[in-house]
PDB file of N, CA and C in Angstrom:
ATOM      1  N   MET A   1     -15.660  20.073  -0.802  1.00  0.00           N
ATOM      2  CA  MET A   1     -14.828  19.610   0.294  1.00  0.00           C
ATOM      3  C   MET A   1     -13.757  18.686  -0.282  1.00  0.00           C
ATOM      4  N   THR A   2     -12.507  18.918   0.076  1.00  0.00           N
ATOM      5  CA  THR A   2     -11.415  18.087  -0.427  1.00  0.00           C
ATOM      6  C   THR A   2     -11.391  16.753   0.313  1.00  0.00           C
ATOM      7  N   ILE A   3     -10.660  15.805  -0.226  1.00  0.00           N
ATOM      8  CA  ILE A   3     -10.572  14.490   0.412  1.00  0.00           C
ATOM      9  C   ILE A   3      -9.896  14.601   1.783  1.00  0.00           C
ATOM     10  N   GLU A   4      -8.911  15.498   1.891  1.00  0.00           N
ATOM     11  CA  GLU A   4      -8.248  15.689   3.185  1.00  0.00           C
ATOM     12  C   GLU A   4      -9.228  16.212   4.226  1.00  0.00           C
ATOM     13  N   GLU A   5     -10.090  17.137   3.798  1.00  0.00           N
ATOM     14  CA  GLU A   5     -11.090  17.679   4.721  1.00  0.00           C
ATOM     15  C   GLU A   5     -12.093  16.606   5.131  1.00  0.00           C
ATOM     16  N   ARG A   6     -12.492  15.770   4.177  1.00  0.00           N
ATOM     17  CA  ARG A   6     -13.412  14.679   4.500  1.00  0.00           C
ATOM     18  C   ARG A   6     -12.777  13.678   5.457  1.00  0.00           C
ATOM     19  N   LEU A   7     -11.495  13.382   5.214  1.00  0.00           N
ATOM     20  CA  LEU A   7     -10.801  12.457   6.111  1.00  0.00           C
ATOM     21  C   LEU A   7     -10.739  13.008   7.535  1.00  0.00           C
ATOM     22  N   ARG A   8     -10.411  14.291   7.658  1.00  0.00           N
ATOM     23  CA  ARG A   8     -10.364  14.907   8.996  1.00  0.00           C
ATOM     24  C   ARG A   8     -11.738  14.908   9.647  1.00  0.00           C
ATOM     25  N   LEU A   9     -12.779  15.231   8.848  1.00  0.00           N
ATOM     26  CA  LEU A   9     -14.144  15.244   9.372  1.00  0.00           C
ATOM     27  C   LEU A   9     -14.515  13.869   9.924  1.00  0.00           C
ATOM     28  N   TRP A  10     -14.216  12.818   9.158  1.00  0.00           N
ATOM     29  CA  TRP A  10     -14.573  11.475   9.605  1.00  0.00           C
ATOM     30  C   TRP A  10     -13.699  10.986  10.746  1.00  0.00           C
ATOM     31  N   GLU A  11     -12.465  11.435  10.798  1.00  0.00           N
ATOM     32  CA  GLU A  11     -11.643  11.106  11.963  1.00  0.00           C
ATOM     33  C   GLU A  11     -12.274  11.695  13.216  1.00  0.00           C
ATOM     34  N   GLN A  12     -12.732  12.947  13.127  1.00  0.00           N
ATOM     35  CA  GLN A  12     -13.396  13.597  14.257  1.00  0.00           C
ATOM     36  C   GLN A  12     -14.688  12.879  14.622  1.00  0.00           C
ATOM     37  N   ARG A  13     -15.467  12.529  13.605  1.00  0.00           N
ATOM     38  CA  ARG A  13     -16.729  11.841  13.862  1.00  0.00           C
ATOM     39  C   ARG A  13     -16.502  10.507  14.565  1.00  0.00           C
ATOM     40  N   LEU A  14     -15.508   9.769  14.096  1.00  0.00           N
ATOM     41  CA  LEU A  14     -15.245   8.468  14.717  1.00  0.00           C
ATOM     42  C   LEU A  14     -14.737   8.618  16.142  1.00  0.00           C
ATOM     43  N   GLU A  15     -13.960   9.659  16.416  1.00  0.00           N
ATOM     44  CA  GLU A  15     -13.534   9.929  17.784  1.00  0.00           C
ATOM     45  C   GLU A  15     -14.737  10.269  18.659  1.00  0.00           C
ATOM     46  N   GLU A  16     -15.669  11.067  18.123  1.00  0.00           N
ATOM     47  CA  GLU A  16     -16.894  11.407  18.860  1.00  0.00           C
ATOM     48  C   GLU A  16     -17.707  10.153  19.157  1.00  0.00           C
ATOM     49  N   TYR A  17     -17.806   9.281  18.156  1.00  0.00           N
ATOM     50  CA  TYR A  17     -18.551   8.033  18.351  1.00  0.00           C
ATOM     51  C   TYR A  17     -17.918   7.213  19.474  1.00  0.00           C
ATOM     52  N   GLU A  18     -16.592   7.039  19.426  1.00  0.00           N
ATOM     53  CA  GLU A  18     -15.894   6.261  20.455  1.00  0.00           C
ATOM     54  C   GLU A  18     -16.148   6.831  21.848  1.00  0.00           C
ATOM     55  N   ALA A  19     -16.106   8.153  21.947  1.00  0.00           N
ATOM     56  CA  ALA A  19     -16.294   8.808  23.245  1.00  0.00           C
ATOM     57  C   ALA A  19     -17.741   8.749  23.722  1.00  0.00           C
ATOM     58  N   SER A  20     -18.689   8.575  22.796  1.00  0.00           N
ATOM     59  CA  SER A  20     -20.106   8.626  23.161  1.00  0.00           C
ATOM     60  C   SER A  20     -20.568   7.411  23.960  1.00  0.00           C
ATOM     61  N   GLY A  21     -19.971   6.257  23.705  1.00  0.00           N
ATOM     62  CA  GLY A  21     -20.404   5.037  24.379  1.00  0.00           C
ATOM     63  C   GLY A  21     -21.699   4.482  23.815  1.00  0.00           C
ATOM     64  N   GLN A  22     -22.206   5.082  22.756  1.00  0.00           N
ATOM     65  CA  GLN A  22     -23.464   4.636  22.147  1.00  0.00           C
ATOM     66  C   GLN A  22     -23.218   3.522  21.131  1.00  0.00           C
ATOM     67  N   SER A  23     -24.309   2.871  20.763  1.00  0.00           N
ATOM     68  CA  SER A  23     -24.209   1.894  19.685  1.00  0.00           C
ATOM     69  C   SER A  23     -24.087   2.662  18.368  1.00  0.00           C
ATOM     70  N   VAL A  24     -23.607   1.987  17.351  1.00  0.00           N
ATOM     71  CA  VAL A  24     -23.451   2.620  16.035  1.00  0.00           C
ATOM     72  C   VAL A  24     -24.797   3.133  15.532  1.00  0.00           C
ATOM     73  N   LEU A  25     -25.829   2.319  15.671  1.00  0.00           N
ATOM     74  CA  LEU A  25     -27.146   2.711  15.155  1.00  0.00           C
ATOM     75  C   LEU A  25     -27.694   3.956  15.840  1.00  0.00           C
ATOM     76  N   VAL A  26     -27.585   4.001  17.145  1.00  0.00           N
ATOM     77  CA  VAL A  26     -28.099   5.156  17.894  1.00  0.00           C
ATOM     78  C   VAL A  26     -27.289   6.405  17.551  1.00  0.00           C
ATOM     79  N   TRP A  27     -25.968   6.281  17.561  1.00  0.00           N
ATOM     80  CA  TRP A  27     -25.108   7.420  17.273  1.00  0.00           C
ATOM     81  C   TRP A  27     -25.353   7.953  15.861  1.00  0.00           C
ATOM     82  N   CYS A  28     -25.448   7.037  14.896  1.00  0.00           N
ATOM     83  CA  CYS A  28     -25.682   7.449  13.506  1.00  0.00           C
ATOM     84  C   CYS A  28     -27.031   8.153  13.365  1.00  0.00           C
ATOM     85  N   GLU A  29     -28.037   7.637  14.026  1.00  0.00           N
ATOM     86  CA  GLU A  29     -29.363   8.250  13.941  1.00  0.00           C
ATOM     87  C   GLU A  29     -29.333   9.670  14.509  1.00  0.00           C
ATOM     88  N   GLU A  30     -28.661   9.862  15.626  1.00  0.00           N
ATOM     89  CA  GLU A  30     -28.568  11.193  16.226  1.00  0.00           C
ATOM     90  C   GLU A  30     -27.807  12.173  15.335  1.00  0.00           C
ATOM     91  N   LYS A  31     -26.829  11.673  14.587  1.00  0.00           N
ATOM     92  CA  LYS A  31     -25.987  12.528  13.745  1.00  0.00           C
ATOM     93  C   LYS A  31     -26.494  12.618  12.307  1.00  0.00           C
ATOM     94  N   SER A  32     -27.625  11.953  12.027  1.00  0.00           N
ATOM     95  CA  SER A  32     -28.176  11.911  10.659  1.00  0.00           C
ATOM     96  C   SER A  32     -27.166  11.358   9.657  1.00  0.00           C
ATOM     97  N   ILE A  33     -26.514  10.285  10.068  1.00  0.00           N
ATOM     98  CA  ILE A  33     -25.533   9.590   9.235  1.00  0.00           C
ATOM     99  C   ILE A  33     -26.022   8.163   9.070  1.00  0.00           C
ATOM    100  N   THR A  34     -25.898   7.614   7.889  1.00  0.00           N
ATOM    101  CA  THR A  34     -26.318   6.230   7.706  1.00  0.00           C
ATOM    102  C   THR A  34     -25.238   5.299   8.254  1.00  0.00           C
ATOM    103  N   PRO A  35     -25.646   4.161   8.797  1.00  0.00           N
ATOM    104  CA  PRO A  35     -24.643   3.192   9.260  1.00  0.00           C
ATOM    105  C   PRO A  35     -23.697   2.771   8.133  1.00  0.00           C
ATOM    106  N   ARG A  36     -24.214   2.742   6.921  1.00  0.00           N
ATOM    107  CA  ARG A  36     -23.377   2.379   5.779  1.00  0.00           C
ATOM    108  C   ARG A  36     -22.221   3.370   5.618  1.00  0.00           C
ATOM    109  N   GLN A  37     -22.517   4.676   5.738  1.00  0.00           N
ATOM    110  CA  GLN A  37     -21.464   5.690   5.673  1.00  0.00           C
ATOM    111  C   GLN A  37     -20.460   5.487   6.805  1.00  0.00           C
ATOM    112  N   PHE A  38     -20.995   5.268   7.988  1.00  0.00           N
ATOM    113  CA  PHE A  38     -20.149   5.082   9.157  1.00  0.00           C
ATOM    114  C   PHE A  38     -19.169   3.941   8.929  1.00  0.00           C
ATOM    115  N   TYR A  39     -19.652   2.762   8.547  1.00  0.00           N
ATOM    116  CA  TYR A  39     -18.783   1.601   8.374  1.00  0.00           C
ATOM    117  C   TYR A  39     -17.806   1.794   7.218  1.00  0.00           C
ATOM    118  N   TYR A  40     -18.254   2.447   6.158  1.00  0.00           N
ATOM    119  CA  TYR A  40     -17.377   2.722   5.021  1.00  0.00           C
ATOM    120  C   TYR A  40     -16.173   3.541   5.471  1.00  0.00           C
ATOM    121  N   TRP A  41     -16.437   4.664   6.161  1.00  0.00           N
ATOM    122  CA  TRP A  41     -15.349   5.550   6.575  1.00  0.00           C
ATOM    123  C   TRP A  41     -14.485   4.939   7.671  1.00  0.00           C
ATOM    124  N   ARG A  42     -15.082   4.174   8.551  1.00  0.00           N
ATOM    125  CA  ARG A  42     -14.289   3.525   9.585  1.00  0.00           C
ATOM    126  C   ARG A  42     -13.311   2.542   8.955  1.00  0.00           C
ATOM    127  N   LYS A  43     -13.801   1.768   7.995  1.00  0.00           N
ATOM    128  CA  LYS A  43     -12.931   0.813   7.311  1.00  0.00           C
ATOM    129  C   LYS A  43     -11.846   1.541   6.530  1.00  0.00           C
ATOM    130  N   LYS A  44     -12.204   2.604   5.832  1.00  0.00           N
ATOM    131  CA  LYS A  44     -11.257   3.370   5.029  1.00  0.00           C
ATOM    132  C   LYS A  44     -10.153   3.958   5.904  1.00  0.00           C
ATOM    133  N   LEU A  45     -10.522   4.538   7.023  1.00  0.00           N
ATOM    134  CA  LEU A  45      -9.534   5.147   7.913  1.00  0.00           C
ATOM    135  C   LEU A  45      -8.671   4.100   8.609  1.00  0.00           C
ATOM    136  N   ARG A  46      -9.263   2.976   8.986  1.00  0.00           N
ATOM    137  CA  ARG A  46      -8.477   1.922   9.636  1.00  0.00           C
ATOM    138  C   ARG A  46      -7.463   1.331   8.665  1.00  0.00           C
ATOM    139  N   SER A  47      -7.885   1.088   7.427  1.00  0.00           N
ATOM    140  CA  SER A  47      -6.943   0.499   6.468  1.00  0.00           C
ATOM    141  C   SER A  47      -5.842   1.490   6.113  1.00  0.00           C
ATOM    142  N   ALA A  48      -6.173   2.780   6.044  1.00  0.00           N
ATOM    143  CA  ALA A  48      -5.145   3.787   5.771  1.00  0.00           C
ATOM    144  C   ALA A  48      -4.151   3.848   6.916  1.00  0.00           C
ATOM    145  N   GLN A  49      -4.652   3.772   8.139  1.00  0.00           N
ATOM    146  CA  GLN A  49      -3.773   3.842   9.302  1.00  0.00           C
ATOM    147  C   GLN A  49      -2.921   2.590   9.428  1.00  0.00           C
ATOM    148  N   SER A  50      -3.500   1.428   9.155  1.00  0.00           N
ATOM    149  CA  SER A  50      -2.707   0.207   9.278  1.00  0.00           C
ATOM    150  C   SER A  50      -1.605   0.187   8.234  1.00  0.00           C
ATOM    151  N   GLY A  51      -1.854   0.779   7.073  1.00  0.00           N
ATOM    152  CA  GLY A  51      -0.819   0.879   6.054  1.00  0.00           C
ATOM    153  C   GLY A  51       0.316   1.778   6.500  1.00  0.00           C
ATOM    154  N   MET A  52      -0.013   2.831   7.246  1.00  0.00           N
ATOM    155  CA  MET A  52       1.015   3.745   7.729  1.00  0.00           C
ATOM    156  C   MET A  52       1.761   3.148   8.908  1.00  0.00           C
ATOM    157  N   ASP A  53       1.131   2.255   9.662  1.00  0.00           N
ATOM    158  CA  ASP A  53       1.758   1.670  10.835  1.00  0.00           C
ATOM    159  C   ASP A  53       2.780   0.599  10.476  1.00  0.00           C
ATOM    160  N   GLN A  54       2.657   0.041   9.280  1.00  0.00           N
ATOM    161  CA  GLN A  54       3.589  -1.003   8.893  1.00  0.00           C
ATOM    162  C   GLN A  54       4.938  -0.367   8.572  1.00  0.00           C
ATOM    163  N   ARG A  55       5.932  -0.804   9.273  1.00  0.00           N
ATOM    164  CA  ARG A  55       7.276  -0.272   9.095  1.00  0.00           C
ATOM    165  C   ARG A  55       8.092  -1.231   8.243  1.00  0.00           C
ATOM    166  N   VAL A  56       8.961  -0.676   7.439  1.00  0.00           N
ATOM    167  CA  VAL A  56       9.875  -1.489   6.660  1.00  0.00           C
ATOM    168  C   VAL A  56      11.019  -1.902   7.562  1.00  0.00           C
ATOM    169  N   LYS A  57      11.325  -3.171   7.544  1.00  0.00           N
ATOM    170  CA  LYS A  57      12.424  -3.672   8.353  1.00  0.00           C
ATOM    171  C   LYS A  57      13.516  -4.149   7.404  1.00  0.00           C
ATOM    172  N   TRP A  58      14.684  -3.584   7.561  1.00  0.00           N
ATOM    173  CA  TRP A  58      15.822  -3.917   6.718  1.00  0.00           C
ATOM    174  C   TRP A  58      16.770  -4.817   7.504  1.00  0.00           C
ATOM    175  N   ILE A  59      17.358  -5.743   6.782  1.00  0.00           N
ATOM    176  CA  ILE A  59      18.381  -6.570   7.397  1.00  0.00           C
ATOM    177  C   ILE A  59      19.641  -6.472   6.547  1.00  0.00           C
ATOM    178  N   SER A  60      20.756  -6.662   7.163  1.00  0.00           N
ATOM    179  CA  SER A  60      22.031  -6.594   6.469  1.00  0.00           C
ATOM    180  C   SER A  60      22.431  -7.992   6.021  1.00  0.00           C
ATOM    181  N   LEU A  61      22.830  -8.111   4.764  1.00  0.00           N
ATOM    182  CA  LEU A  61      23.307  -9.384   4.238  1.00  0.00           C
ATOM    183  C   LEU A  61      24.748  -9.216   3.797  1.00  0.00           C
ATOM    184  N   ASN A  62      25.565 -10.122   4.202  1.00  0.00           N
ATOM    185  CA  ASN A  62      26.973 -10.063   3.823  1.00  0.00           C
ATOM    186  C   ASN A  62      27.275 -11.100   2.753  1.00  0.00           C
ATOM    187  N   HIS A  63      26.551 -11.037   1.671  1.00  0.00           N
ATOM    188  CA  HIS A  63      26.745 -11.991   0.582  1.00  0.00           C
ATOM    189  C   HIS A  63      26.585 -11.250  -0.731  1.00  0.00           C
ATOM    190  N   ASP A  64      27.469 -11.459  -1.663  1.00  0.00           N
ATOM    191  CA  ASP A  64      27.371 -10.800  -2.961  1.00  0.00           C
ATOM    192  C   ASP A  64      26.571 -11.696  -3.903  1.00  0.00           C
ATOM    193  N   PHE A  65      25.267 -11.453  -3.955  1.00  0.00           N
ATOM    194  CA  PHE A  65      24.382 -12.271  -4.782  1.00  0.00           C
ATOM    195  C   PHE A  65      24.672 -12.088  -6.262  1.00  0.00           C
ATOM    196  N   ARG A  66      25.151 -10.918  -6.644  1.00  0.00           N
ATOM    197  CA  ARG A  66      25.474 -10.691  -8.055  1.00  0.00           C
ATOM    198  C   ARG A  66      26.561 -11.657  -8.517  1.00  0.00           C
ATOM    199  N   LYS A  67      27.559 -11.813  -7.673  1.00  0.00           N
ATOM    200  CA  LYS A  67      28.672 -12.682  -8.034  1.00  0.00           C
ATOM    201  C   LYS A  67      28.187 -14.125  -8.178  1.00  0.00           C
ATOM    202  N   SER A  68      27.398 -14.599  -7.205  1.00  0.00           N
ATOM    203  CA  SER A  68      26.929 -15.988  -7.257  1.00  0.00           C
ATOM    204  C   SER A  68      25.906 -16.207  -8.368  1.00  0.00           C
ATOM    205  N   ALA A  69      25.210 -15.149  -8.791  1.00  0.00           N
ATOM    206  CA  ALA A  69      24.231 -15.274  -9.865  1.00  0.00           C
ATOM    207  C   ALA A  69      24.843 -14.992 -11.227  1.00  0.00           C
ATOM    208  N   GLY A  70      26.121 -14.617 -11.247  1.00  0.00           N
ATOM    209  CA  GLY A  70      26.785 -14.330 -12.516  1.00  0.00           C
ATOM    210  C   GLY A  70      26.382 -12.987 -13.103  1.00  0.00           C
ATOM    211  N   LEU A  71      25.969 -12.028 -12.267  1.00  0.00           N
ATOM    212  CA  LEU A  71      25.554 -10.713 -12.749  1.00  0.00           C
ATOM    213  C   LEU A  71      26.710  -9.734 -12.696  1.00  0.00           C
ATOM    214  N   ALA A  72      26.644  -8.748 -13.588  1.00  0.00           N
ATOM    215  CA  ALA A  72      27.651  -7.693 -13.590  1.00  0.00           C
ATOM    216  C   ALA A  72      27.493  -6.853 -12.330  1.00  0.00           C
ATOM    217  N   ALA A  73      28.576  -6.198 -11.896  1.00  0.00           N
ATOM    218  CA  ALA A  73      28.561  -5.402 -10.668  1.00  0.00           C
ATOM    219  C   ALA A  73      27.622  -4.208 -10.760  1.00  0.00           C
ATOM    220  N   ASP A  74      27.378  -3.699 -11.960  1.00  0.00           N
ATOM    221  CA  ASP A  74      26.525  -2.511 -12.123  1.00  0.00           C
ATOM    222  C   ASP A  74      25.125  -2.874 -12.590  1.00  0.00           C
ATOM    223  N   SER A  75      24.646  -4.054 -12.221  1.00  0.00           N
ATOM    224  CA  SER A  75      23.331  -4.490 -12.676  1.00  0.00           C
ATOM    225  C   SER A  75      22.488  -4.985 -11.507  1.00  0.00           C
ATOM    226  N   ILE A  76      21.194  -5.151 -11.787  1.00  0.00           N
ATOM    227  CA  ILE A  76      20.291  -5.770 -10.820  1.00  0.00           C
ATOM    228  C   ILE A  76      19.526  -6.867 -11.547  1.00  0.00           C
ATOM    229  N   ALA A  77      19.030  -7.814 -10.802  1.00  0.00           N
ATOM    230  CA  ALA A  77      18.235  -8.898 -11.369  1.00  0.00           C
ATOM    231  C   ALA A  77      16.802  -8.740 -10.915  1.00  0.00           C
ATOM    232  N   VAL A  78      15.877  -8.832 -11.859  1.00  0.00           N
ATOM    233  CA  VAL A  78      14.450  -8.760 -11.555  1.00  0.00           C
ATOM    234  C   VAL A  78      13.852 -10.109 -11.914  1.00  0.00           C
ATOM    235  N   HIS A  79      13.164 -10.716 -10.938  1.00  0.00           N
ATOM    236  CA  HIS A  79      12.559 -12.024 -11.151  1.00  0.00           C
ATOM    237  C   HIS A  79      11.068 -11.853 -11.430  1.00  0.00           C
ATOM    238  N   VAL A  80      10.629 -12.366 -12.553  1.00  0.00           N
ATOM    239  CA  VAL A  80       9.210 -12.364 -12.919  1.00  0.00           C
ATOM    240  C   VAL A  80       8.852 -13.820 -13.177  1.00  0.00           C
ATOM    241  N   GLY A  81       8.168 -14.409 -12.204  1.00  0.00           N
ATOM    242  CA  GLY A  81       7.866 -15.833 -12.308  1.00  0.00           C
ATOM    243  C   GLY A  81       9.153 -16.636 -12.264  1.00  0.00           C
ATOM    244  N   ARG A  82       9.368 -17.492 -13.264  1.00  0.00           N
ATOM    245  CA  ARG A  82      10.579 -18.311 -13.316  1.00  0.00           C
ATOM    246  C   ARG A  82      11.688 -17.652 -14.126  1.00  0.00           C
ATOM    247  N   VAL A  83      11.453 -16.453 -14.594  1.00  0.00           N
ATOM    248  CA  VAL A  83      12.411 -15.766 -15.465  1.00  0.00           C
ATOM    249  C   VAL A  83      13.141 -14.682 -14.684  1.00  0.00           C
ATOM    250  N   THR A  84      14.438 -14.545 -14.931  1.00  0.00           N
ATOM    251  CA  THR A  84      15.244 -13.486 -14.342  1.00  0.00           C
ATOM    252  C   THR A  84      15.712 -12.564 -15.454  1.00  0.00           C
ATOM    253  N   VAL A  85      15.489 -11.268 -15.270  1.00  0.00           N
ATOM    254  CA  VAL A  85      15.909 -10.273 -16.250  1.00  0.00           C
ATOM    255  C   VAL A  85      17.001  -9.430 -15.599  1.00  0.00           C
ATOM    256  N   GLU A  86      18.144  -9.334 -16.275  1.00  0.00           N
ATOM    257  CA  GLU A  86      19.248  -8.511 -15.774  1.00  0.00           C
ATOM    258  C   GLU A  86      19.111  -7.112 -16.362  1.00  0.00           C
ATOM    259  N   ILE A  87      19.167  -6.127 -15.480  1.00  0.00           N
ATOM    260  CA  ILE A  87      19.011  -4.731 -15.909  1.00  0.00           C
ATOM    261  C   ILE A  87      20.302  -3.991 -15.584  1.00  0.00           C
ATOM    262  N   ARG A  88      20.804  -3.270 -16.584  1.00  0.00           N
ATOM    263  CA  ARG A  88      22.023  -2.484 -16.391  1.00  0.00           C
ATOM    264  C   ARG A  88      21.708  -1.005 -16.521  1.00  0.00           C
ATOM    265  N   LYS A  89      22.617  -0.203 -16.039  1.00  0.00           N
ATOM    266  CA  LYS A  89      22.489   1.251 -16.091  1.00  0.00           C
ATOM    267  C   LYS A  89      22.205   1.687 -17.533  1.00  0.00           C
ATOM    268  N   GLY A  90      21.223   2.599 -17.665  1.00  0.00           N
ATOM    269  CA  GLY A  90      20.864   3.124 -18.977  1.00  0.00           C
ATOM    270  C   GLY A  90      19.838   2.293 -19.734  1.00  0.00           C
ATOM    271  N   PHE A  91      19.168   1.363 -19.046  1.00  0.00           N
ATOM    272  CA  PHE A  91      18.189   0.504 -19.720  1.00  0.00           C
ATOM    273  C   PHE A  91      16.984   1.311 -20.208  1.00  0.00           C
ATOM    274  N   ASP A  92      16.266   0.768 -21.173  1.00  0.00           N
ATOM    275  CA  ASP A  92      15.074   1.403 -21.740  1.00  0.00           C
ATOM    276  C   ASP A  92      13.873   1.023 -20.860  1.00  0.00           C
ATOM    277  N   GLN A  93      13.335   1.996 -20.119  1.00  0.00           N
ATOM    278  CA  GLN A  93      12.246   1.719 -19.183  1.00  0.00           C
ATOM    279  C   GLN A  93      10.985   1.212 -19.872  1.00  0.00           C
ATOM    280  N   HIS A  94      10.683   1.771 -21.026  1.00  0.00           N
ATOM    281  CA  HIS A  94       9.466   1.361 -21.745  1.00  0.00           C
ATOM    282  C   HIS A  94       9.593  -0.079 -22.235  1.00  0.00           C
ATOM    283  N   LEU A  95      10.758  -0.419 -22.759  1.00  0.00           N
ATOM    284  CA  LEU A  95      10.990  -1.791 -23.213  1.00  0.00           C
ATOM    285  C   LEU A  95      10.919  -2.754 -22.031  1.00  0.00           C
ATOM    286  N   PHE A  96      11.509  -2.383 -20.898  1.00  0.00           N
ATOM    287  CA  PHE A  96      11.469  -3.237 -19.715  1.00  0.00           C
ATOM    288  C   PHE A  96      10.035  -3.473 -19.266  1.00  0.00           C
ATOM    289  N   ARG A  97       9.216  -2.412 -19.260  1.00  0.00           N
ATOM    290  CA  ARG A  97       7.817  -2.534 -18.861  1.00  0.00           C
ATOM    291  C   ARG A  97       7.088  -3.519 -19.785  1.00  0.00           C
ATOM    292  N   GLU A  98       7.346  -3.423 -21.087  1.00  0.00           N
ATOM    293  CA  GLU A  98       6.705  -4.336 -22.043  1.00  0.00           C
ATOM    294  C   GLU A  98       7.162  -5.774 -21.816  1.00  0.00           C
ATOM    295  N   ILE A  99       8.440  -5.966 -21.526  1.00  0.00           N
ATOM    296  CA  ILE A  99       8.964  -7.307 -21.276  1.00  0.00           C
ATOM    297  C   ILE A  99       8.293  -7.913 -20.044  1.00  0.00           C
ATOM    298  N   VAL A 100       8.179  -7.136 -18.965  1.00  0.00           N
ATOM    299  CA  VAL A 100       7.551  -7.638 -17.741  1.00  0.00           C
ATOM    300  C   VAL A 100       6.088  -7.980 -18.004  1.00  0.00           C
ATOM    301  N   GLN A 101       5.377  -7.144 -18.755  1.00  0.00           N
ATOM    302  CA  GLN A 101       3.964  -7.425 -19.053  1.00  0.00           C
ATOM    303  C   GLN A 101       3.833  -8.733 -19.830  1.00  0.00           C
ATOM    304  N   VAL A 102       4.709  -8.973 -20.787  1.00  0.00           N
ATOM    305  CA  VAL A 102       4.672 -10.226 -21.550  1.00  0.00           C
ATOM    306  C   VAL A 102       4.973 -11.405 -20.641  1.00  0.00           C
ATOM    307  N   LEU A 103       5.993 -11.276 -19.798  1.00  0.00           N
ATOM    308  CA  LEU A 103       6.368 -12.368 -18.912  1.00  0.00           C
ATOM    309  C   LEU A 103       5.264 -12.716 -17.919  1.00  0.00           C
ATOM    310  N   GLN A 104       4.486 -11.717 -17.496  1.00  0.00           N
ATOM    311  CA  GLN A 104       3.405 -11.986 -16.555  1.00  0.00           C
ATOM    312  C   GLN A 104       2.270 -12.787 -17.188  1.00  0.00           C
ATOM    313  N   THR A 105       2.172 -12.761 -18.497  1.00  0.00           N
ATOM    314  CA  THR A 105       1.103 -13.513 -19.161  1.00  0.00           C
ATOM    315  C   THR A 105       1.482 -14.965 -19.442  1.00  0.00           C
ATOM    316  N   ILE A 106       2.752 -15.273 -19.296  1.00  0.00           N
ATOM    317  CA  ILE A 106       3.228 -16.630 -19.604  1.00  0.00           C
ATOM    318  C   ILE A 106       2.964 -17.552 -18.433  1.00  0.00           C
TER     319      ILE A 106
END
């Protein structure tokens, strides 16, 4: 059984439980499911759904932060702790990853 199939199965089971009006223990016993399984899947599905429900909210800023930070127009600034790293087009991704890993240990 794939993970998608298991997720659908548990979504159905949890809907059945909600509709039953029974306690978790009684419902689980009737379905030959352990309460531990029930709570595990309920938590897993709720956290997955809450992650999908969170929407990204964008706001418009009318300020050129690059200019005030002294950055080139074709660059971005990445802040790692108290350090700012300026990245320009064509940067070495592997080197950048190593730099960030070192900075995180400081």
